[in-house]
Amino acid sequence: MITKEYIEVKIAQMLKDVLELDVTPELIEDNLRDGFNIDSVSALELLVRIEQDFHIQIPDEELSVNLLNSFNRLVIYIESKCNKN
């Protein structure tokens, strides 16, 4: 079972890699896109990394940059996908 804390740390690492910023879970504001000025290219790269790193598939109808609007919502989404079984 993947924990919320693990997901938060992994997302922080992805943000650090993709955006080349020094990020920790504690520094992440809930509004990811505005807080980090995530453009569409970075958003797509993050979503692909999320799928790869967490071994999940985000269905096309759920695949949207809006998924990155809220850090908490993203963590809950990933947690539900990972712990589905």
N, C-alpha and C. Protein backbone atom coordinates (compact mmCIF):
# COMPACT_ATOMS: atom_id res chain seq x y z
N MET A 1 0.84 -1.18 0.00
CA MET A 1 0.00 0.00 0.00
C MET A 1 0.89 1.25 0.00
N ILE A 2 0.62 2.15 -0.90
CA ILE A 2 1.39 3.38 -1.02
C ILE A 2 0.75 4.45 -0.14
N THR A 3 1.59 5.12 0.64
CA THR A 3 1.08 6.12 1.57
C THR A 3 1.03 7.51 0.93
N LYS A 4 0.23 8.35 1.52
CA LYS A 4 0.12 9.74 1.07
C LYS A 4 1.47 10.44 1.17
N GLU A 5 2.20 10.19 2.24
CA GLU A 5 3.50 10.83 2.44
C GLU A 5 4.49 10.42 1.35
N TYR A 6 4.48 9.15 0.97
CA TYR A 6 5.36 8.66 -0.09
C TYR A 6 5.03 9.37 -1.40
N ILE A 7 3.75 9.49 -1.70
CA ILE A 7 3.32 10.15 -2.93
C ILE A 7 3.76 11.61 -2.93
N GLU A 8 3.61 12.28 -1.80
CA GLU A 8 4.01 13.69 -1.70
C GLU A 8 5.50 13.86 -1.97
N VAL A 9 6.32 12.98 -1.41
CA VAL A 9 7.77 13.04 -1.62
C VAL A 9 8.10 12.79 -3.09
N LYS A 10 7.46 11.79 -3.69
CA LYS A 10 7.71 11.47 -5.11
C LYS A 10 7.32 12.64 -6.02
N ILE A 11 6.18 13.26 -5.75
CA ILE A 11 5.74 14.39 -6.57
C ILE A 11 6.72 15.55 -6.41
N ALA A 12 7.17 15.79 -5.20
CA ALA A 12 8.16 16.85 -4.97
C ALA A 12 9.42 16.59 -5.78
N GLN A 13 9.86 15.34 -5.82
CA GLN A 13 11.04 14.98 -6.60
C GLN A 13 10.80 15.19 -8.10
N MET A 14 9.60 14.83 -8.56
CA MET A 14 9.27 15.05 -9.97
C MET A 14 9.27 16.53 -10.32
N LEU A 15 8.70 17.34 -9.44
CA LEU A 15 8.69 18.79 -9.67
C LEU A 15 10.12 19.32 -9.71
N LYS A 16 10.95 18.81 -8.84
CA LYS A 16 12.36 19.21 -8.80
C LYS A 16 13.05 18.86 -10.11
N ASP A 17 12.80 17.65 -10.61
CA ASP A 17 13.42 17.19 -11.86
C ASP A 17 12.91 17.95 -13.08
N VAL A 18 11.59 18.07 -13.18
CA VAL A 18 10.98 18.66 -14.37
C VAL A 18 11.17 20.18 -14.41
N LEU A 19 10.98 20.83 -13.27
CA LEU A 19 11.04 22.29 -13.24
C LEU A 19 12.39 22.83 -12.80
N GLU A 20 13.28 21.90 -12.42
CA GLU A 20 14.62 22.27 -11.96
C GLU A 20 14.56 23.27 -10.80
N LEU A 21 13.71 22.92 -9.82
CA LEU A 21 13.55 23.73 -8.61
C LEU A 21 13.86 22.88 -7.40
N ASP A 22 14.29 23.52 -6.33
CA ASP A 22 14.52 22.82 -5.08
C ASP A 22 13.20 22.79 -4.31
N VAL A 23 12.53 21.66 -4.33
CA VAL A 23 11.18 21.55 -3.78
C VAL A 23 11.12 20.43 -2.75
N THR A 24 10.43 20.70 -1.66
CA THR A 24 10.10 19.66 -0.68
C THR A 24 8.59 19.67 -0.51
N PRO A 25 8.01 18.56 -0.05
CA PRO A 25 6.55 18.53 0.12
C PRO A 25 6.02 19.69 0.97
N GLU A 26 6.79 20.11 1.96
CA GLU A 26 6.34 21.18 2.85
C GLU A 26 6.23 22.53 2.12
N LEU A 27 6.99 22.70 1.05
CA LEU A 27 7.00 23.97 0.32
C LEU A 27 5.96 24.04 -0.79
N ILE A 28 5.29 22.93 -1.05
CA ILE A 28 4.35 22.89 -2.16
C ILE A 28 3.01 23.47 -1.73
N GLU A 29 2.59 24.51 -2.45
CA GLU A 29 1.27 25.08 -2.21
C GLU A 29 0.23 24.19 -2.87
N ASP A 30 -1.02 24.31 -2.42
CA ASP A 30 -2.05 23.45 -2.99
C ASP A 30 -2.26 23.72 -4.47
N ASN A 31 -2.15 24.96 -4.91
CA ASN A 31 -2.34 25.29 -6.31
C ASN A 31 -1.01 25.12 -7.05
N LEU A 32 -0.81 23.94 -7.60
CA LEU A 32 0.45 23.61 -8.26
C LEU A 32 0.75 24.48 -9.47
N ARG A 33 -0.21 24.59 -10.36
CA ARG A 33 0.06 25.29 -11.62
C ARG A 33 0.41 26.74 -11.40
N ASP A 34 -0.32 27.42 -10.55
CA ASP A 34 -0.01 28.83 -10.30
C ASP A 34 1.22 28.97 -9.41
N GLY A 35 1.35 28.10 -8.43
CA GLY A 35 2.47 28.18 -7.50
C GLY A 35 3.82 27.96 -8.16
N PHE A 36 3.85 27.15 -9.21
CA PHE A 36 5.11 26.84 -9.88
C PHE A 36 5.12 27.29 -11.34
N ASN A 37 4.09 28.00 -11.77
CA ASN A 37 3.99 28.45 -13.17
C ASN A 37 4.21 27.29 -14.13
N ILE A 38 3.48 26.21 -13.93
CA ILE A 38 3.61 25.03 -14.77
C ILE A 38 2.92 25.28 -16.10
N ASP A 39 3.68 25.21 -17.19
CA ASP A 39 3.10 25.37 -18.51
C ASP A 39 2.62 24.02 -19.03
N SER A 40 2.02 24.01 -20.21
CA SER A 40 1.42 22.78 -20.73
C SER A 40 2.46 21.70 -21.00
N VAL A 41 3.65 22.07 -21.43
CA VAL A 41 4.71 21.09 -21.69
C VAL A 41 5.16 20.45 -20.39
N SER A 42 5.40 21.26 -19.37
CA SER A 42 5.80 20.73 -18.06
C SER A 42 4.68 19.88 -17.46
N ALA A 43 3.44 20.31 -17.65
CA ALA A 43 2.30 19.55 -17.13
C ALA A 43 2.25 18.16 -17.76
N LEU A 44 2.43 18.11 -19.07
CA LEU A 44 2.42 16.82 -19.77
C LEU A 44 3.56 15.94 -19.29
N GLU A 45 4.74 16.53 -19.14
CA GLU A 45 5.90 15.77 -18.66
C GLU A 45 5.64 15.22 -17.25
N LEU A 46 5.04 16.02 -16.39
CA LEU A 46 4.72 15.57 -15.03
C LEU A 46 3.71 14.43 -15.05
N LEU A 47 2.67 14.56 -15.87
CA LEU A 47 1.65 13.52 -15.93
C LEU A 47 2.22 12.20 -16.45
N VAL A 48 3.11 12.28 -17.43
CA VAL A 48 3.76 11.07 -17.95
C VAL A 48 4.63 10.44 -16.87
N ARG A 49 5.38 11.26 -16.14
CA ARG A 49 6.22 10.75 -15.04
C ARG A 49 5.37 10.11 -13.95
N ILE A 50 4.24 10.71 -13.65
CA ILE A 50 3.34 10.15 -12.64
C ILE A 50 2.89 8.76 -13.07
N GLU A 51 2.48 8.63 -14.33
CA GLU A 51 2.06 7.32 -14.83
C GLU A 51 3.20 6.31 -14.73
N GLN A 52 4.38 6.70 -15.14
CA GLN A 52 5.52 5.78 -15.14
C GLN A 52 5.97 5.42 -13.72
N ASP A 53 6.16 6.42 -12.89
CA ASP A 53 6.72 6.19 -11.56
C ASP A 53 5.76 5.46 -10.62
N PHE A 54 4.47 5.72 -10.78
CA PHE A 54 3.49 5.07 -9.91
C PHE A 54 2.84 3.85 -10.56
N HIS A 55 3.25 3.56 -11.79
CA HIS A 55 2.72 2.39 -12.52
C HIS A 55 1.20 2.43 -12.58
N ILE A 56 0.68 3.59 -12.97
CA ILE A 56 -0.76 3.75 -13.14
C ILE A 56 -1.01 4.26 -14.54
N GLN A 57 -2.24 4.16 -14.97
CA GLN A 57 -2.63 4.73 -16.25
C GLN A 57 -3.76 5.71 -15.99
N ILE A 58 -3.56 6.92 -16.47
CA ILE A 58 -4.59 7.94 -16.33
C ILE A 58 -5.42 7.90 -17.61
N PRO A 59 -6.70 7.52 -17.51
CA PRO A 59 -7.54 7.43 -18.71
C PRO A 59 -7.62 8.78 -19.42
N ASP A 60 -7.78 8.74 -20.74
CA ASP A 60 -7.83 9.96 -21.54
C ASP A 60 -8.85 10.96 -21.00
N GLU A 61 -10.01 10.46 -20.56
CA GLU A 61 -11.05 11.37 -20.08
C GLU A 61 -10.66 12.05 -18.76
N GLU A 62 -9.67 11.50 -18.06
CA GLU A 62 -9.20 12.10 -16.82
C GLU A 62 -7.87 12.84 -17.01
N LEU A 63 -7.26 12.65 -18.17
CA LEU A 63 -5.95 13.25 -18.46
C LEU A 63 -6.13 14.72 -18.84
N SER A 64 -5.70 15.58 -17.94
CA SER A 64 -5.89 17.01 -18.14
C SER A 64 -4.91 17.76 -17.26
N VAL A 65 -4.51 18.95 -17.71
CA VAL A 65 -3.66 19.78 -16.87
C VAL A 65 -4.40 20.19 -15.61
N ASN A 66 -5.74 20.11 -15.63
CA ASN A 66 -6.53 20.43 -14.44
C ASN A 66 -6.23 19.47 -13.30
N LEU A 67 -5.75 18.30 -13.62
CA LEU A 67 -5.36 17.34 -12.59
C LEU A 67 -4.24 17.92 -11.73
N LEU A 68 -3.50 18.87 -12.29
CA LEU A 68 -2.39 19.49 -11.58
C LEU A 68 -2.79 20.79 -10.87
N ASN A 69 -4.06 21.12 -10.89
CA ASN A 69 -4.49 22.35 -10.21
C ASN A 69 -4.28 22.28 -8.71
N SER A 70 -4.60 21.16 -8.12
CA SER A 70 -4.54 21.02 -6.66
C SER A 70 -3.58 19.90 -6.27
N PHE A 71 -2.58 20.24 -5.47
CA PHE A 71 -1.62 19.25 -4.99
C PHE A 71 -2.34 18.16 -4.20
N ASN A 72 -3.21 18.57 -3.29
CA ASN A 72 -3.92 17.59 -2.46
C ASN A 72 -4.81 16.67 -3.29
N ARG A 73 -5.51 17.25 -4.26
CA ARG A 73 -6.37 16.44 -5.13
C ARG A 73 -5.54 15.45 -5.95
N LEU A 74 -4.37 15.90 -6.42
CA LEU A 74 -3.48 15.02 -7.19
C LEU A 74 -2.99 13.86 -6.33
N VAL A 75 -2.59 14.15 -5.10
CA VAL A 75 -2.12 13.10 -4.19
C VAL A 75 -3.23 12.09 -3.93
N ILE A 76 -4.43 12.57 -3.67
CA ILE A 76 -5.57 11.68 -3.41
C ILE A 76 -5.88 10.84 -4.66
N TYR A 77 -5.81 11.46 -5.83
CA TYR A 77 -6.06 10.75 -7.08
C TYR A 77 -5.05 9.61 -7.27
N ILE A 78 -3.77 9.92 -7.10
CA ILE A 78 -2.72 8.91 -7.26
C ILE A 78 -2.89 7.81 -6.21
N GLU A 79 -3.16 8.20 -4.98
CA GLU A 79 -3.34 7.22 -3.91
C GLU A 79 -4.49 6.27 -4.23
N SER A 80 -5.59 6.80 -4.75
CA SER A 80 -6.73 5.94 -5.08
C SER A 80 -6.40 5.00 -6.23
N LYS A 81 -5.65 5.48 -7.22
CA LYS A 81 -5.26 4.63 -8.35
C LYS A 81 -4.29 3.53 -7.91
N CYS A 82 -3.33 3.89 -7.07
CA CYS A 82 -2.31 2.93 -6.63
C CYS A 82 -2.87 1.87 -5.68
N ASN A 83 -3.80 2.26 -4.87
CA ASN A 83 -4.34 1.35 -3.85
C ASN A 83 -5.69 0.77 -4.24
N LYS A 84 -5.96 0.79 -5.54
CA LYS A 84 -7.24 0.31 -6.05
C LYS A 84 -7.46 -1.17 -5.76
N ASN A 85 -6.41 -1.93 -5.85
CA ASN A 85 -6.56 -3.39 -5.68
C ASN A 85 -6.37 -3.80 -4.26
